[in-house]
Structure formats: structure tokens, C-alpha cells
PDB file of N, CA and C in Angstrom:
ATOM      1  N   MET A   1      82.843 221.539 226.568  1.00  0.00           N
ATOM      2  CA  MET A   1      82.368 220.725 227.643  1.00  0.00           C
ATOM      3  C   MET A   1      81.877 221.661 228.769  1.00  0.00           C
ATOM      4  N   ARG A   2      80.727 221.336 229.275  1.00  0.00           N
ATOM      5  CA  ARG A   2      80.112 222.116 230.338  1.00  0.00           C
ATOM      6  C   ARG A   2      80.558 221.591 231.694  1.00  0.00           C
ATOM      7  N   MET A   3      80.924 222.489 232.588  1.00  0.00           N
ATOM      8  CA  MET A   3      81.384 222.084 233.918  1.00  0.00           C
ATOM      9  C   MET A   3      80.386 222.589 234.961  1.00  0.00           C
ATOM     10  N   GLY A   4      80.414 221.978 236.120  1.00  0.00           N
ATOM     11  CA  GLY A   4      79.573 222.438 237.212  1.00  0.00           C
ATOM     12  C   GLY A   4      78.279 221.656 237.329  1.00  0.00           C
ATOM     13  N   ARG A   5      77.393 222.205 238.087  1.00  0.00           N
ATOM     14  CA  ARG A   5      76.119 221.558 238.373  1.00  0.00           C
ATOM     15  C   ARG A   5      75.215 221.590 237.145  1.00  0.00           C
ATOM     16  N   PRO A   6      74.479 220.505 236.871  1.00  0.00           N
ATOM     17  CA  PRO A   6      73.553 220.526 235.732  1.00  0.00           C
ATOM     18  C   PRO A   6      72.404 221.496 235.993  1.00  0.00           C
ATOM     19  N   ARG A   7      71.862 222.049 234.928  1.00  0.00           N
ATOM     20  CA  ARG A   7      70.747 222.988 235.051  1.00  0.00           C
ATOM     21  C   ARG A   7      69.499 222.292 235.567  1.00  0.00           C
ATOM     22  N   ALA A   8      68.778 222.985 236.412  1.00  0.00           N
ATOM     23  CA  ALA A   8      67.500 222.475 236.910  1.00  0.00           C
ATOM     24  C   ALA A   8      66.440 222.684 235.828  1.00  0.00           C
ATOM     25  N   ALA A   9      65.410 221.880 235.883  1.00  0.00           N
ATOM     26  CA  ALA A   9      64.325 222.004 234.907  1.00  0.00           C
ATOM     27  C   ALA A   9      63.584 223.325 235.116  1.00  0.00           C
ATOM     28  N   GLY A  10      62.990 223.849 234.065  1.00  0.00           N
ATOM     29  CA  GLY A  10      62.188 225.064 234.160  1.00  0.00           C
ATOM     30  C   GLY A  10      62.953 226.294 233.711  1.00  0.00           C
ATOM     31  N   LYS A  11      62.301 227.430 233.850  1.00  0.00           N
ATOM     32  CA  LYS A  11      62.865 228.706 233.443  1.00  0.00           C
ATOM     33  C   LYS A  11      62.855 229.645 234.646  1.00  0.00           C
ATOM     34  N   VAL A  12      63.906 230.420 234.806  1.00  0.00           N
ATOM     35  CA  VAL A  12      64.005 231.359 235.916  1.00  0.00           C
ATOM     36  C   VAL A  12      63.465 232.719 235.464  1.00  0.00           C
ATOM     37  N   TYR A  13      62.608 233.334 236.292  1.00  0.00           N
ATOM     38  CA  TYR A  13      62.057 234.656 236.015  1.00  0.00           C
ATOM     39  C   TYR A  13      62.538 235.625 237.086  1.00  0.00           C
ATOM     40  N   TYR A  14      63.065 236.750 236.693  1.00  0.00           N
ATOM     41  CA  TYR A  14      63.497 237.783 237.625  1.00  0.00           C
ATOM     42  C   TYR A  14      62.399 238.842 237.654  1.00  0.00           C
ATOM     43  N   LEU A  15      61.825 239.049 238.829  1.00  0.00           N
ATOM     44  CA  LEU A  15      60.629 239.873 238.928  1.00  0.00           C
ATOM     45  C   LEU A  15      60.883 241.322 239.320  1.00  0.00           C
ATOM     46  N   GLY A  16      62.066 241.677 239.690  1.00  0.00           N
ATOM     47  CA  GLY A  16      62.368 243.066 239.997  1.00  0.00           C
ATOM     48  C   GLY A  16      61.864 243.509 241.363  1.00  0.00           C
ATOM     49  N   ARG A  17      61.756 244.810 241.545  1.00  0.00           N
ATOM     50  CA  ARG A  17      61.362 245.394 242.825  1.00  0.00           C
ATOM     51  C   ARG A  17      59.881 245.723 242.852  1.00  0.00           C
ATOM     52  N   VAL A  18      59.321 245.674 244.049  1.00  0.00           N
ATOM     53  CA  VAL A  18      57.918 246.034 244.246  1.00  0.00           C
ATOM     54  C   VAL A  18      57.872 247.067 245.363  1.00  0.00           C
ATOM     55  N   ARG A  19      57.196 248.177 245.131  1.00  0.00           N
ATOM     56  CA  ARG A  19      57.070 249.226 246.144  1.00  0.00           C
ATOM     57  C   ARG A  19      55.624 249.279 246.623  1.00  0.00           C
ATOM     58  N   TRP A  20      55.443 249.281 247.946  1.00  0.00           N
ATOM     59  CA  TRP A  20      54.110 249.462 248.534  1.00  0.00           C
ATOM     60  C   TRP A  20      53.897 250.956 248.706  1.00  0.00           C
ATOM     61  N   VAL A  21      52.774 251.460 248.195  1.00  0.00           N
ATOM     62  CA  VAL A  21      52.478 252.888 248.248  1.00  0.00           C
ATOM     63  C   VAL A  21      51.295 253.119 249.193  1.00  0.00           C
ATOM     64  N   PRO A  22      51.515 253.824 250.320  1.00  0.00           N
ATOM     65  CA  PRO A  22      50.423 254.093 251.261  1.00  0.00           C
ATOM     66  C   PRO A  22      49.297 254.874 250.586  1.00  0.00           C
ATOM     67  N   GLY A  23      48.068 254.479 250.885  1.00  0.00           N
ATOM     68  CA  GLY A  23      46.911 255.156 250.307  1.00  0.00           C
ATOM     69  C   GLY A  23      46.536 254.654 248.932  1.00  0.00           C
ATOM     70  N   VAL A  24      47.428 253.910 248.300  1.00  0.00           N
ATOM     71  CA  VAL A  24      47.159 253.365 246.970  1.00  0.00           C
ATOM     72  C   VAL A  24      47.032 251.845 247.057  1.00  0.00           C
ATOM     73  N   ASP A  25      48.022 251.220 247.672  1.00  0.00           N
ATOM     74  CA  ASP A  25      48.052 249.759 247.788  1.00  0.00           C
ATOM     75  C   ASP A  25      47.389 249.317 249.097  1.00  0.00           C
ATOM     76  N   PRO A  26      46.757 248.152 249.088  1.00  0.00           N
ATOM     77  CA  PRO A  26      46.102 247.668 250.307  1.00  0.00           C
ATOM     78  C   PRO A  26      47.126 247.258 251.366  1.00  0.00           C
ATOM     79  N   PRO A  27      46.739 247.376 252.646  1.00  0.00           N
ATOM     80  CA  PRO A  27      47.658 246.986 253.722  1.00  0.00           C
ATOM     81  C   PRO A  27      48.042 245.510 253.670  1.00  0.00           C
ATOM     82  N   GLU A  28      47.185 244.671 253.090  1.00  0.00           N
ATOM     83  CA  GLU A  28      47.505 243.248 252.960  1.00  0.00           C
ATOM     84  C   GLU A  28      48.755 243.046 252.106  1.00  0.00           C
ATOM     85  N   LEU A  29      48.911 243.876 251.084  1.00  0.00           N
ATOM     86  CA  LEU A  29      50.096 243.785 250.237  1.00  0.00           C
ATOM     87  C   LEU A  29      51.342 244.108 251.047  1.00  0.00           C
ATOM     88  N   ARG A  30      51.251 245.120 251.885  1.00  0.00           N
ATOM     89  CA  ARG A  30      52.400 245.479 252.722  1.00  0.00           C
ATOM     90  C   ARG A  30      52.769 244.313 253.641  1.00  0.00           C
ATOM     91  N   ALA A  31      51.763 243.678 254.220  1.00  0.00           N
ATOM     92  CA  ALA A  31      52.028 242.548 255.117  1.00  0.00           C
ATOM     93  C   ALA A  31      52.748 241.425 254.388  1.00  0.00           C
ATOM     94  N   VAL A  32      52.321 241.113 253.178  1.00  0.00           N
ATOM     95  CA  VAL A  32      52.967 240.050 252.394  1.00  0.00           C
ATOM     96  C   VAL A  32      54.386 240.458 252.030  1.00  0.00           C
ATOM     97  N   LEU A  33      54.567 241.721 251.629  1.00  0.00           N
ATOM     98  CA  LEU A  33      55.901 242.183 251.256  1.00  0.00           C
ATOM     99  C   LEU A  33      56.848 242.174 252.457  1.00  0.00           C
ATOM    100  N   GLU A  34      56.355 242.537 253.638  1.00  0.00           N
ATOM    101  CA  GLU A  34      57.174 242.499 254.850  1.00  0.00           C
ATOM    102  C   GLU A  34      57.579 241.063 255.180  1.00  0.00           C
ATOM    103  N   GLU A  35      56.615 240.141 255.085  1.00  0.00           N
ATOM    104  CA  GLU A  35      56.919 238.737 255.341  1.00  0.00           C
ATOM    105  C   GLU A  35      57.934 238.226 254.334  1.00  0.00           C
ATOM    106  N   PHE A  36      57.736 238.599 253.079  1.00  0.00           N
ATOM    107  CA  PHE A  36      58.627 238.174 252.000  1.00  0.00           C
ATOM    108  C   PHE A  36      60.045 238.693 252.227  1.00  0.00           C
ATOM    109  N   ALA A  37      60.168 239.959 252.618  1.00  0.00           N
ATOM    110  CA  ALA A  37      61.487 240.580 252.796  1.00  0.00           C
ATOM    111  C   ALA A  37      62.288 239.902 253.908  1.00  0.00           C
ATOM    112  N   GLY A  38      61.608 239.408 254.931  1.00  0.00           N
ATOM    113  CA  GLY A  38      62.307 238.786 256.044  1.00  0.00           C
ATOM    114  C   GLY A  38      62.462 237.277 255.950  1.00  0.00           C
ATOM    115  N   ALA A  39      61.981 236.695 254.887  1.00  0.00           N
ATOM    116  CA  ALA A  39      61.982 235.232 254.758  1.00  0.00           C
ATOM    117  C   ALA A  39      63.311 234.702 254.218  1.00  0.00           C
ATOM    118  N   GLU A  40      63.565 233.446 254.516  1.00  0.00           N
ATOM    119  CA  GLU A  40      64.713 232.734 253.948  1.00  0.00           C
ATOM    120  C   GLU A  40      64.467 232.522 252.449  1.00  0.00           C
ATOM    121  N   PRO A  41      65.516 232.350 251.647  1.00  0.00           N
ATOM    122  CA  PRO A  41      65.340 232.202 250.189  1.00  0.00           C
ATOM    123  C   PRO A  41      64.337 231.119 249.773  1.00  0.00           C
ATOM    124  N   GLU A  42      64.373 229.955 250.429  1.00  0.00           N
ATOM    125  CA  GLU A  42      63.438 228.886 250.060  1.00  0.00           C
ATOM    126  C   GLU A  42      62.003 229.298 250.370  1.00  0.00           C
ATOM    127  N   ARG A  43      61.821 229.980 251.495  1.00  0.00           N
ATOM    128  CA  ARG A  43      60.487 230.439 251.903  1.00  0.00           C
ATOM    129  C   ARG A  43      59.992 231.538 250.964  1.00  0.00           C
ATOM    130  N   LYS A  44      60.894 232.393 250.493  1.00  0.00           N
ATOM    131  CA  LYS A  44      60.509 233.453 249.552  1.00  0.00           C
ATOM    132  C   LYS A  44      59.881 232.851 248.298  1.00  0.00           C
ATOM    133  N   GLN A  45      60.497 231.790 247.796  1.00  0.00           N
ATOM    134  CA  GLN A  45      59.974 231.137 246.602  1.00  0.00           C
ATOM    135  C   GLN A  45      58.568 230.595 246.860  1.00  0.00           C
ATOM    136  N   ALA A  46      58.366 229.983 248.023  1.00  0.00           N
ATOM    137  CA  ALA A  46      57.051 229.429 248.364  1.00  0.00           C
ATOM    138  C   ALA A  46      56.008 230.535 248.513  1.00  0.00           C
ATOM    139  N   ILE A  47      56.374 231.649 249.152  1.00  0.00           N
ATOM    140  CA  ILE A  47      55.445 232.773 249.332  1.00  0.00           C
ATOM    141  C   ILE A  47      55.040 233.337 247.979  1.00  0.00           C
ATOM    142  N   LEU A  48      56.010 233.559 247.127  1.00  0.00           N
ATOM    143  CA  LEU A  48      55.744 234.140 245.816  1.00  0.00           C
ATOM    144  C   LEU A  48      54.866 233.234 244.963  1.00  0.00           C
ATOM    145  N   LYS A  49      55.183 231.959 244.935  1.00  0.00           N
ATOM    146  CA  LYS A  49      54.379 231.024 244.145  1.00  0.00           C
ATOM    147  C   LYS A  49      52.944 230.959 244.661  1.00  0.00           C
ATOM    148  N   ALA A  50      52.777 230.904 245.985  1.00  0.00           N
ATOM    149  CA  ALA A  50      51.436 230.837 246.564  1.00  0.00           C
ATOM    150  C   ALA A  50      50.633 232.097 246.238  1.00  0.00           C
ATOM    151  N   ALA A  51      51.275 233.254 246.317  1.00  0.00           N
ATOM    152  CA  ALA A  51      50.582 234.511 246.016  1.00  0.00           C
ATOM    153  C   ALA A  51      50.176 234.578 244.544  1.00  0.00           C
ATOM    154  N   LEU A  52      51.061 234.172 243.661  1.00  0.00           N
ATOM    155  CA  LEU A  52      50.748 234.225 242.234  1.00  0.00           C
ATOM    156  C   LEU A  52      49.656 233.226 241.858  1.00  0.00           C
ATOM    157  N   VAL A  53      49.754 232.008 242.356  1.00  0.00           N
ATOM    158  CA  VAL A  53      48.748 230.998 242.041  1.00  0.00           C
ATOM    159  C   VAL A  53      47.398 231.390 242.639  1.00  0.00           C
ATOM    160  N   GLY A  54      47.393 231.880 243.874  1.00  0.00           N
ATOM    161  CA  GLY A  54      46.152 232.327 244.500  1.00  0.00           C
ATOM    162  C   GLY A  54      45.514 233.474 243.730  1.00  0.00           C
ATOM    163  N   GLY A  55      46.346 234.396 243.257  1.00  0.00           N
ATOM    164  CA  GLY A  55      45.840 235.509 242.461  1.00  0.00           C
ATOM    165  C   GLY A  55      45.264 235.046 241.135  1.00  0.00           C
ATOM    166  N   LEU A  56      45.896 234.061 240.518  1.00  0.00           N
ATOM    167  CA  LEU A  56      45.389 233.518 239.258  1.00  0.00           C
ATOM    168  C   LEU A  56      44.025 232.865 239.454  1.00  0.00           C
ATOM    169  N   GLU A  57      43.909 232.076 240.534  1.00  0.00           N
ATOM    170  CA  GLU A  57      42.643 231.390 240.803  1.00  0.00           C
ATOM    171  C   GLU A  57      41.536 232.395 241.094  1.00  0.00           C
ATOM    172  N   GLU A  58      41.847 233.417 241.895  1.00  0.00           N
ATOM    173  CA  GLU A  58      40.850 234.433 242.223  1.00  0.00           C
ATOM    174  C   GLU A  58      40.457 235.224 240.974  1.00  0.00           C
ATOM    175  N   GLY A  59      41.443 235.558 240.148  1.00  0.00           N
ATOM    176  CA  GLY A  59      41.167 236.296 238.921  1.00  0.00           C
ATOM    177  C   GLY A  59      40.310 235.493 237.954  1.00  0.00           C
ATOM    178  N   ALA A  60      40.573 234.203 237.834  1.00  0.00           N
ATOM    179  CA  ALA A  60      39.782 233.352 236.947  1.00  0.00           C
ATOM    180  C   ALA A  60      38.350 233.249 237.457  1.00  0.00           C
ATOM    181  N   ALA A  61      38.178 233.104 238.770  1.00  0.00           N
ATOM    182  CA  ALA A  61      36.828 233.023 239.337  1.00  0.00           C
ATOM    183  C   ALA A  61      36.070 234.327 239.127  1.00  0.00           C
ATOM    184  N   GLU A  62      36.746 235.447 239.337  1.00  0.00           N
ATOM    185  CA  GLU A  62      36.107 236.752 239.156  1.00  0.00           C
ATOM    186  C   GLU A  62      35.752 236.989 237.692  1.00  0.00           C
ATOM    187  N   ALA A  63      36.638 236.591 236.785  1.00  0.00           N
ATOM    188  CA  ALA A  63      36.365 236.747 235.356  1.00  0.00           C
ATOM    189  C   ALA A  63      35.151 235.918 234.957  1.00  0.00           C
ATOM    190  N   GLY A  64      35.032 234.718 235.516  1.00  0.00           N
ATOM    191  CA  GLY A  64      33.873 233.876 235.226  1.00  0.00           C
ATOM    192  C   GLY A  64      32.582 234.516 235.692  1.00  0.00           C
ATOM    193  N   GLN A  65      32.606 235.173 236.846  1.00  0.00           N
ATOM    194  CA  GLN A  65      31.414 235.846 237.358  1.00  0.00           C
ATOM    195  C   GLN A  65      31.023 237.020 236.475  1.00  0.00           C
ATOM    196  N   VAL A  66      32.008 237.773 235.990  1.00  0.00           N
ATOM    197  CA  VAL A  66      31.732 238.909 235.112  1.00  0.00           C
ATOM    198  C   VAL A  66      31.132 238.417 233.802  1.00  0.00           C
ATOM    199  N   GLU A  67      31.724 237.352 233.238  1.00  0.00           N
ATOM    200  CA  GLU A  67      31.205 236.801 231.990  1.00  0.00           C
ATOM    201  C   GLU A  67      29.785 236.281 232.179  1.00  0.00           C
ATOM    202  N   ASP A  68      29.505 235.627 233.301  1.00  0.00           N
ATOM    203  CA  ASP A  68      28.162 235.130 233.573  1.00  0.00           C
ATOM    204  C   ASP A  68      27.164 236.274 233.665  1.00  0.00           C
ATOM    205  N   ALA A  69      27.540 237.354 234.317  1.00  0.00           N
ATOM    206  CA  ALA A  69      26.649 238.512 234.452  1.00  0.00           C
ATOM    207  C   ALA A  69      26.389 239.144 233.089  1.00  0.00           C
ATOM    208  N   GLU A  70      27.421 239.252 232.267  1.00  0.00           N
ATOM    209  CA  GLU A  70      27.253 239.824 230.928  1.00  0.00           C
ATOM    210  C   GLU A  70      26.363 238.930 230.073  1.00  0.00           C
ATOM    211  N   THR A  71      26.552 237.631 230.159  1.00  0.00           N
ATOM    212  CA  THR A  71      25.725 236.686 229.400  1.00  0.00           C
ATOM    213  C   THR A  71      24.272 236.784 229.835  1.00  0.00           C
ATOM    214  N   ARG A  72      24.031 236.858 231.148  1.00  0.00           N
ATOM    215  CA  ARG A  72      22.657 236.991 231.650  1.00  0.00           C
ATOM    216  C   ARG A  72      22.013 238.273 231.133  1.00  0.00           C
ATOM    217  N   ALA A  73      22.774 239.344 231.099  1.00  0.00           N
ATOM    218  CA  ALA A  73      22.239 240.621 230.630  1.00  0.00           C
ATOM    219  C   ALA A  73      21.869 240.544 229.137  1.00  0.00           C
ATOM    220  N   VAL A  74      22.728 239.923 228.340  1.00  0.00           N
ATOM    221  CA  VAL A  74      22.437 239.780 226.907  1.00  0.00           C
ATOM    222  C   VAL A  74      21.209 238.897 226.699  1.00  0.00           C
ATOM    223  N   LEU A  75      21.155 237.778 227.397  1.00  0.00           N
ATOM    224  CA  LEU A  75      20.020 236.877 227.259  1.00  0.00           C
ATOM    225  C   LEU A  75      18.718 237.528 227.736  1.00  0.00           C
ATOM    226  N   ALA A  76      18.803 238.290 228.804  1.00  0.00           N
ATOM    227  CA  ALA A  76      17.606 238.976 229.295  1.00  0.00           C
ATOM    228  C   ALA A  76      17.136 239.997 228.260  1.00  0.00           C
ATOM    229  N   GLY A  77      18.059 240.674 227.623  1.00  0.00           N
ATOM    230  CA  GLY A  77      17.688 241.633 226.581  1.00  0.00           C
ATOM    231  C   GLY A  77      17.075 240.954 225.375  1.00  0.00           C
ATOM    232  N   LEU A  78      17.608 239.798 224.994  1.00  0.00           N
ATOM    233  CA  LEU A  78      17.098 239.076 223.837  1.00  0.00           C
ATOM    234  C   LEU A  78      15.768 238.373 224.122  1.00  0.00           C
ATOM    235  N   LEU A  79      15.669 237.764 225.291  1.00  0.00           N
ATOM    236  CA  LEU A  79      14.489 236.976 225.615  1.00  0.00           C
ATOM    237  C   LEU A  79      13.444 237.767 226.399  1.00  0.00           C
ATOM    238  N   GLY A  80      13.777 238.957 226.795  1.00  0.00           N
ATOM    239  CA  GLY A  80      12.837 239.756 227.585  1.00  0.00           C
ATOM    240  C   GLY A  80      11.591 240.150 226.800  1.00  0.00           C
ATOM    241  N   GLU A  81      11.685 240.157 225.500  1.00  0.00           N
ATOM    242  CA  GLU A  81      10.557 240.566 224.655  1.00  0.00           C
ATOM    243  C   GLU A  81       9.550 239.461 224.486  1.00  0.00           C
ATOM    244  N   PHE A  82       9.911 238.220 224.790  1.00  0.00           N
ATOM    245  CA  PHE A  82       8.996 237.097 224.580  1.00  0.00           C
ATOM    246  C   PHE A  82       8.097 236.891 225.738  1.00  0.00           C
TER     247      PHE A  82
END
């Protein structure tokens, strides 16, 4: 028999430590890490989720632009002779 609070839905991920390296990492990363370090636990979760989701959206948009540029280059090479 299980005792205590029931498990919440979802899976927990432990992300480890992140080090900001001067001259390598952008200052924006340091600002986010400083805000994160001083935040309450509930706020930390919100900051992390927002950063990850925002990064995913930006990465998907950038990947789409790269694919579009590559497609245009291939099509220009194929159709440029006509």
C-alpha cells in the first residue's frame, strides 16, 4: 500500500548545473541565470519553461528559414538553365 501524497501527472527532469562563461556565453544568458538563481521555486519553474519553449519556437523558425534558403538554392540551380 502506498502512503502519502499521490503523484502528480507528468515526468520530472533534473537539469543539473549551468555555468555562464565570460567571453563565450552571451550576457543575456547571465541575466536569465541571475534571475533564476534568486527566484522562488514556483517562479524558477515558470522561468525555465518559458526559456525552453521560447528557444524551441525560435529554433523551429530558424530551421524553417534555413530549409527555405536551401530549397530556393536547389530550385534555382535546377531551373536556372531554363
